[in-house]
Amino acid sequence: MSLLKIVPDQGNSLYIVLLLEGEIWKRIYKSLFFNSLHHLLSLSTVSEVKRSFSILEDKIAKAYVMRCLGKKAFLKSERSEERRVGKEC
């Protein structure tokens, strides 16, 4: 039996709940984490699961921040380009 179990959140379909040793451990956003959790299911100790999840959480958070900053920079460059084009006309 696995230490970690992934179940849907009953209150909100955007989230999933991680059960560690049968107890609710984490409630996480499904679209950010779901495809990255499979390797945690094979870990054999609670400390391994917690350590690996912490590393995964940091990695996903950094990727999310970079994606948001990239979108912000793109939108800013789009507005800047629109202003330049508007001045030329």
N, C-alpha and C. Protein backbone atom coordinates (compact mmCIF):
# COMPACT_ATOMS: atom_id res chain seq x y z
N MET A 1 0.83 -1.19 0.00
CA MET A 1 0.00 0.00 0.00
C MET A 1 0.88 1.25 0.00
N SER A 2 0.46 2.23 -0.76
CA SER A 2 1.21 3.48 -0.88
C SER A 2 0.95 4.38 0.32
N LEU A 3 1.98 5.10 0.73
CA LEU A 3 1.82 6.08 1.81
C LEU A 3 0.96 7.25 1.37
N LEU A 4 1.08 7.59 0.09
CA LEU A 4 0.41 8.77 -0.46
C LEU A 4 -0.74 8.35 -1.35
N LYS A 5 -1.85 9.03 -1.19
CA LYS A 5 -3.02 8.79 -2.04
C LYS A 5 -3.51 10.14 -2.55
N ILE A 6 -3.88 10.17 -3.83
CA ILE A 6 -4.37 11.39 -4.47
C ILE A 6 -5.87 11.23 -4.69
N VAL A 7 -6.64 12.16 -4.15
CA VAL A 7 -8.11 12.10 -4.30
C VAL A 7 -8.63 13.47 -4.74
N PRO A 8 -9.75 13.49 -5.46
CA PRO A 8 -10.34 14.78 -5.84
C PRO A 8 -10.86 15.52 -4.62
N ASP A 9 -10.78 16.83 -4.66
CA ASP A 9 -11.35 17.65 -3.59
C ASP A 9 -12.85 17.65 -3.78
N GLN A 10 -13.58 17.30 -2.75
CA GLN A 10 -15.04 17.23 -2.84
C GLN A 10 -15.68 18.61 -3.00
N GLY A 11 -15.04 19.64 -2.47
CA GLY A 11 -15.62 20.98 -2.51
C GLY A 11 -15.31 21.78 -3.75
N ASN A 12 -14.23 21.44 -4.45
CA ASN A 12 -13.82 22.24 -5.59
C ASN A 12 -13.04 21.37 -6.57
N SER A 13 -13.55 21.23 -7.78
CA SER A 13 -12.93 20.34 -8.76
C SER A 13 -11.59 20.86 -9.29
N LEU A 14 -11.22 22.09 -8.97
CA LEU A 14 -9.94 22.63 -9.40
C LEU A 14 -8.78 22.14 -8.52
N TYR A 15 -9.10 21.51 -7.41
CA TYR A 15 -8.09 21.07 -6.45
C TYR A 15 -8.11 19.56 -6.28
N ILE A 16 -6.98 19.04 -5.82
CA ILE A 16 -6.89 17.65 -5.40
C ILE A 16 -6.34 17.63 -3.98
N VAL A 17 -6.61 16.55 -3.30
CA VAL A 17 -6.17 16.41 -1.91
C VAL A 17 -5.17 15.27 -1.86
N LEU A 18 -4.08 15.50 -1.16
CA LEU A 18 -3.09 14.45 -0.94
C LEU A 18 -3.29 13.90 0.47
N LEU A 19 -3.49 12.60 0.54
CA LEU A 19 -3.62 11.93 1.83
C LEU A 19 -2.31 11.22 2.11
N LEU A 20 -1.72 11.51 3.25
CA LEU A 20 -0.48 10.87 3.66
C LEU A 20 -0.80 10.00 4.86
N GLU A 21 -0.60 8.72 4.69
CA GLU A 21 -0.96 7.73 5.70
C GLU A 21 -2.42 7.84 6.11
N GLY A 22 -3.29 8.11 5.13
CA GLY A 22 -4.72 8.17 5.37
C GLY A 22 -5.25 9.49 5.91
N GLU A 23 -4.38 10.42 6.23
CA GLU A 23 -4.78 11.73 6.77
C GLU A 23 -4.58 12.81 5.71
N ILE A 24 -5.46 13.80 5.70
CA ILE A 24 -5.30 14.92 4.76
C ILE A 24 -4.00 15.63 5.07
N TRP A 25 -3.17 15.74 4.04
CA TRP A 25 -1.86 16.36 4.20
C TRP A 25 -1.77 17.70 3.45
N LYS A 26 -2.18 17.69 2.18
CA LYS A 26 -2.11 18.90 1.35
C LYS A 26 -3.34 19.00 0.46
N ARG A 27 -3.74 20.21 0.17
CA ARG A 27 -4.77 20.51 -0.82
C ARG A 27 -4.08 21.38 -1.85
N ILE A 28 -3.98 20.89 -3.08
CA ILE A 28 -3.18 21.58 -4.10
C ILE A 28 -3.98 21.81 -5.37
N TYR A 29 -3.54 22.79 -6.15
CA TYR A 29 -4.19 23.16 -7.40
C TYR A 29 -3.87 22.09 -8.46
N LYS A 30 -4.90 21.47 -8.97
CA LYS A 30 -4.75 20.33 -9.86
C LYS A 30 -3.94 20.64 -11.11
N SER A 31 -4.22 21.73 -11.78
CA SER A 31 -3.57 22.00 -13.07
C SER A 31 -2.06 22.24 -12.93
N LEU A 32 -1.62 22.67 -11.77
CA LEU A 32 -0.18 22.88 -11.58
C LEU A 32 0.55 21.60 -11.21
N PHE A 33 -0.07 20.73 -10.46
CA PHE A 33 0.65 19.60 -9.88
C PHE A 33 0.33 18.22 -10.46
N PHE A 34 -0.84 18.03 -11.01
CA PHE A 34 -1.33 16.68 -11.26
C PHE A 34 -0.37 15.79 -12.06
N ASN A 35 0.21 16.31 -13.13
CA ASN A 35 1.09 15.49 -13.97
C ASN A 35 2.46 15.23 -13.34
N SER A 36 2.75 15.83 -12.22
CA SER A 36 4.06 15.70 -11.59
C SER A 36 4.07 14.84 -10.34
N LEU A 37 2.95 14.32 -9.94
CA LEU A 37 2.85 13.62 -8.66
C LEU A 37 3.11 12.12 -8.72
N HIS A 38 3.12 11.53 -9.90
CA HIS A 38 3.19 10.07 -10.01
C HIS A 38 4.40 9.45 -9.32
N HIS A 39 5.54 10.12 -9.36
CA HIS A 39 6.74 9.52 -8.75
C HIS A 39 6.66 9.49 -7.21
N LEU A 40 5.83 10.35 -6.64
CA LEU A 40 5.70 10.37 -5.18
C LEU A 40 4.98 9.12 -4.66
N LEU A 41 4.18 8.51 -5.51
CA LEU A 41 3.40 7.35 -5.08
C LEU A 41 4.27 6.14 -4.77
N SER A 42 5.45 6.09 -5.34
CA SER A 42 6.32 4.92 -5.13
C SER A 42 7.29 5.08 -3.95
N LEU A 43 7.30 6.22 -3.31
CA LEU A 43 8.22 6.43 -2.20
C LEU A 43 7.76 5.66 -0.97
N SER A 44 8.73 5.22 -0.17
CA SER A 44 8.39 4.28 0.90
C SER A 44 8.38 4.86 2.32
N THR A 45 8.86 6.08 2.50
CA THR A 45 8.83 6.67 3.84
C THR A 45 8.18 8.05 3.80
N VAL A 46 7.63 8.45 4.92
CA VAL A 46 6.98 9.76 5.03
C VAL A 46 8.00 10.86 4.76
N SER A 47 9.19 10.72 5.29
CA SER A 47 10.21 11.76 5.11
C SER A 47 10.60 11.90 3.64
N GLU A 48 10.66 10.80 2.89
CA GLU A 48 10.96 10.86 1.46
C GLU A 48 9.84 11.58 0.71
N VAL A 49 8.61 11.28 1.05
CA VAL A 49 7.46 11.92 0.39
C VAL A 49 7.49 13.42 0.66
N LYS A 50 7.69 13.80 1.90
CA LYS A 50 7.70 15.23 2.25
C LYS A 50 8.86 15.97 1.59
N ARG A 51 10.03 15.36 1.59
CA ARG A 51 11.20 15.99 0.97
C ARG A 51 11.00 16.13 -0.53
N SER A 52 10.54 15.07 -1.18
CA SER A 52 10.34 15.10 -2.62
C SER A 52 9.24 16.08 -3.02
N PHE A 53 8.17 16.15 -2.23
CA PHE A 53 7.10 17.09 -2.53
C PHE A 53 7.60 18.53 -2.37
N SER A 54 8.41 18.78 -1.36
CA SER A 54 8.94 20.12 -1.15
C SER A 54 9.79 20.56 -2.35
N ILE A 55 10.61 19.65 -2.85
CA ILE A 55 11.43 19.95 -4.03
C ILE A 55 10.53 20.21 -5.25
N LEU A 56 9.52 19.35 -5.42
CA LEU A 56 8.59 19.51 -6.52
C LEU A 56 7.82 20.82 -6.42
N GLU A 57 7.38 21.16 -5.22
CA GLU A 57 6.64 22.40 -4.99
C GLU A 57 7.49 23.62 -5.36
N ASP A 58 8.76 23.62 -4.98
CA ASP A 58 9.65 24.73 -5.34
C ASP A 58 9.82 24.83 -6.85
N LYS A 59 10.01 23.70 -7.49
CA LYS A 59 10.20 23.67 -8.94
C LYS A 59 8.96 24.20 -9.67
N ILE A 60 7.80 23.76 -9.26
CA ILE A 60 6.55 24.21 -9.89
C ILE A 60 6.30 25.69 -9.62
N ALA A 61 6.58 26.13 -8.41
CA ALA A 61 6.39 27.55 -8.07
C ALA A 61 7.30 28.44 -8.92
N LYS A 62 8.55 28.05 -9.07
CA LYS A 62 9.48 28.84 -9.89
C LYS A 62 9.04 28.88 -11.34
N ALA A 63 8.60 27.75 -11.87
CA ALA A 63 8.12 27.71 -13.26
C ALA A 63 6.89 28.58 -13.44
N TYR A 64 5.99 28.56 -12.46
CA TYR A 64 4.77 29.37 -12.53
C TYR A 64 5.12 30.87 -12.50
N VAL A 65 6.02 31.25 -11.63
CA VAL A 65 6.43 32.65 -11.54
C VAL A 65 7.07 33.10 -12.85
N MET A 66 7.93 32.27 -13.42
CA MET A 66 8.58 32.63 -14.68
C MET A 66 7.55 32.77 -15.81
N ARG A 67 6.56 31.88 -15.83
CA ARG A 67 5.51 31.95 -16.84
C ARG A 67 4.72 33.25 -16.68
N CYS A 68 4.38 33.61 -15.46
CA CYS A 68 3.64 34.85 -15.21
C CYS A 68 4.46 36.08 -15.59
N LEU A 69 5.73 36.07 -15.23
CA LEU A 69 6.58 37.20 -15.59
C LEU A 69 6.76 37.31 -17.11
N GLY A 70 6.86 36.16 -17.76
CA GLY A 70 6.97 36.16 -19.22
C GLY A 70 5.73 36.74 -19.87
N LYS A 71 4.56 36.37 -19.37
CA LYS A 71 3.31 36.93 -19.91
C LYS A 71 3.25 38.43 -19.68
N LYS A 72 3.67 38.84 -18.50
CA LYS A 72 3.64 40.27 -18.17
C LYS A 72 4.58 41.04 -19.11
N ALA A 73 5.77 40.50 -19.34
CA ALA A 73 6.72 41.16 -20.22
C ALA A 73 6.18 41.20 -21.65
N PHE A 74 5.56 40.12 -22.09
CA PHE A 74 4.99 40.09 -23.43
C PHE A 74 3.89 41.13 -23.58
N LEU A 75 3.01 41.20 -22.60
CA LEU A 75 1.92 42.19 -22.67
C LEU A 75 2.47 43.61 -22.66
N LYS A 76 3.51 43.83 -21.87
CA LYS A 76 4.12 45.15 -21.81
C LYS A 76 4.74 45.51 -23.17
N SER A 77 5.41 44.55 -23.80
CA SER A 77 6.02 44.82 -25.11
C SER A 77 4.93 45.04 -26.17
N GLU A 78 3.81 44.33 -26.06
CA GLU A 78 2.70 44.54 -26.98
C GLU A 78 2.15 45.96 -26.86
N ARG A 79 1.96 46.42 -25.63
CA ARG A 79 1.46 47.79 -25.43
C ARG A 79 2.45 48.81 -25.96
N SER A 80 3.71 48.55 -25.73
CA SER A 80 4.75 49.45 -26.21
C SER A 80 4.73 49.52 -27.74
N GLU A 81 4.58 48.37 -28.37
CA GLU A 81 4.52 48.30 -29.83
C GLU A 81 3.29 49.03 -30.35
N GLU A 82 2.15 48.88 -29.67
CA GLU A 82 0.93 49.58 -30.09
C GLU A 82 1.10 51.09 -30.01
N ARG A 83 1.79 51.55 -28.98
CA ARG A 83 2.03 53.00 -28.84
C ARG A 83 2.91 53.51 -29.98
N ARG A 84 3.95 52.73 -30.32
CA ARG A 84 4.84 53.16 -31.41
C ARG A 84 4.09 53.21 -32.72
N VAL A 85 3.29 52.20 -33.00
CA VAL A 85 2.53 52.15 -34.24
C VAL A 85 1.52 53.29 -34.27
N GLY A 86 0.90 53.59 -33.15
CA GLY A 86 -0.07 54.68 -33.08
C GLY A 86 0.56 56.03 -33.35
N LYS A 87 1.81 56.24 -32.92
CA LYS A 87 2.50 57.50 -33.12
C LYS A 87 2.90 57.69 -34.58
N GLU A 88 3.17 56.59 -35.28
CA GLU A 88 3.60 56.68 -36.67
C GLU A 88 2.43 57.07 -37.59
N CYS A 89 1.22 56.73 -37.23
CA CYS A 89 0.06 56.99 -38.10
C CYS A 89 -0.41 58.42 -38.03
